[in-house]
């Protein structure tokens, strides 16, 4: 169960990383459009991108922790058999 959840978290992290939404920041800026708020948009997209990458890091850390828990449980079971 722990390893399955870890795999699921890693898959989800990969999906987040590969979402096209994380590329939006590359297509914005003062050269993209003229108006009062292009820099605000760029800043918001950059913050969202950082938050997504932080979430990916957290998911992978949780997956590692679940794998370690599974490893410890399996080691204990090996000792008792």
Protein backbone atom coordinates (compact mmCIF):
# COMPACT_ATOMS: atom_id res chain seq x y z
CA UNK A 1 0.00 0.00 0.00
CA UNK A 2 2.79 2.46 0.88
CA UNK A 3 4.69 1.82 -2.32
CA UNK A 4 1.53 2.17 -4.38
CA UNK A 5 0.78 5.53 -2.81
CA UNK A 6 4.38 6.61 -3.38
CA UNK A 7 4.11 5.70 -7.08
CA UNK A 8 0.85 7.64 -7.31
CA UNK A 9 2.45 10.72 -5.74
CA UNK A 10 5.41 10.53 -8.13
CA UNK A 11 3.06 10.19 -11.11
CA UNK A 12 1.06 13.18 -9.93
CA UNK A 13 4.25 15.20 -9.45
CA UNK A 14 5.29 14.38 -13.01
CA UNK A 15 1.90 15.45 -14.31
CA UNK A 16 2.19 18.78 -12.53
CA UNK A 17 5.70 19.29 -13.87
CA UNK A 18 4.67 18.62 -17.45
CA UNK A 19 1.51 20.71 -17.52
CA UNK A 20 1.57 23.34 -20.28
CA UNK A 21 0.33 25.92 -17.78
CA UNK A 22 3.85 26.12 -16.36
CA UNK A 23 5.05 27.44 -19.72
CA UNK A 24 2.71 30.45 -19.74
CA UNK A 25 5.28 32.67 -18.08
CA UNK A 26 7.52 32.30 -21.13
CA UNK A 27 4.84 33.89 -23.32
CA UNK A 28 4.14 36.98 -21.26
CA UNK A 29 5.78 40.30 -20.69
CA UNK A 30 5.78 43.83 -21.90
CA UNK A 31 6.64 42.63 -25.41
CA UNK A 32 3.59 40.36 -25.46
CA UNK A 33 0.97 43.02 -24.92
CA UNK A 34 0.64 46.66 -23.99
CA UNK A 35 -1.42 47.80 -21.09
CA UNK A 36 -1.32 48.70 -17.45
CA UNK A 37 -0.63 45.27 -15.94
CA UNK A 38 1.72 43.05 -17.95
CA UNK A 39 4.34 42.95 -15.18
CA UNK A 40 1.70 42.02 -12.61
CA UNK A 41 0.70 39.08 -14.79
CA UNK A 42 4.35 38.02 -15.18
CA UNK A 43 4.88 38.21 -11.43
CA UNK A 44 1.72 36.21 -10.72
CA UNK A 45 2.68 33.52 -13.22
CA UNK A 46 6.20 33.31 -11.80
CA UNK A 47 4.80 32.90 -8.28
CA UNK A 48 2.40 30.20 -9.46
CA UNK A 49 5.23 28.39 -11.22
CA UNK A 50 7.36 28.47 -8.05
CA UNK A 51 4.41 27.20 -6.01
CA UNK A 52 3.87 24.34 -8.45
CA UNK A 53 7.53 23.36 -8.28
CA UNK A 54 7.41 23.52 -4.48
CA UNK A 55 4.35 21.23 -4.54
CA UNK A 56 6.20 18.80 -6.81
CA UNK A 57 9.13 18.76 -4.38
CA UNK A 58 6.76 18.12 -1.47
CA UNK A 59 5.01 15.27 -3.32
CA UNK A 60 8.32 13.62 -4.10
CA UNK A 61 9.47 14.02 -0.49
CA UNK A 62 6.26 12.40 0.74
CA UNK A 63 6.73 9.58 -1.78
CA UNK A 64 10.26 9.02 -0.50
CA UNK A 65 8.94 8.93 3.06
CA UNK A 66 6.30 6.35 2.12
CA UNK A 67 8.94 4.21 0.41
CA UNK A 68 11.11 4.41 3.52
CA UNK A 69 8.15 3.36 5.69
CA UNK A 70 7.52 0.41 3.39
CA UNK A 71 11.20 -0.53 3.51
CA UNK A 72 11.22 -0.44 7.33
CA UNK A 73 8.05 -2.55 7.55
CA UNK A 74 9.44 -5.08 5.08
CA UNK A 75 12.70 -5.26 7.05
CA UNK A 76 10.80 -5.88 10.30
CA UNK A 77 8.74 -8.61 8.63
CA UNK A 78 11.94 -10.25 7.35
CA UNK A 79 13.32 -10.26 10.91
CA UNK A 80 10.23 -11.95 12.33
CA UNK A 81 10.10 -14.75 9.77
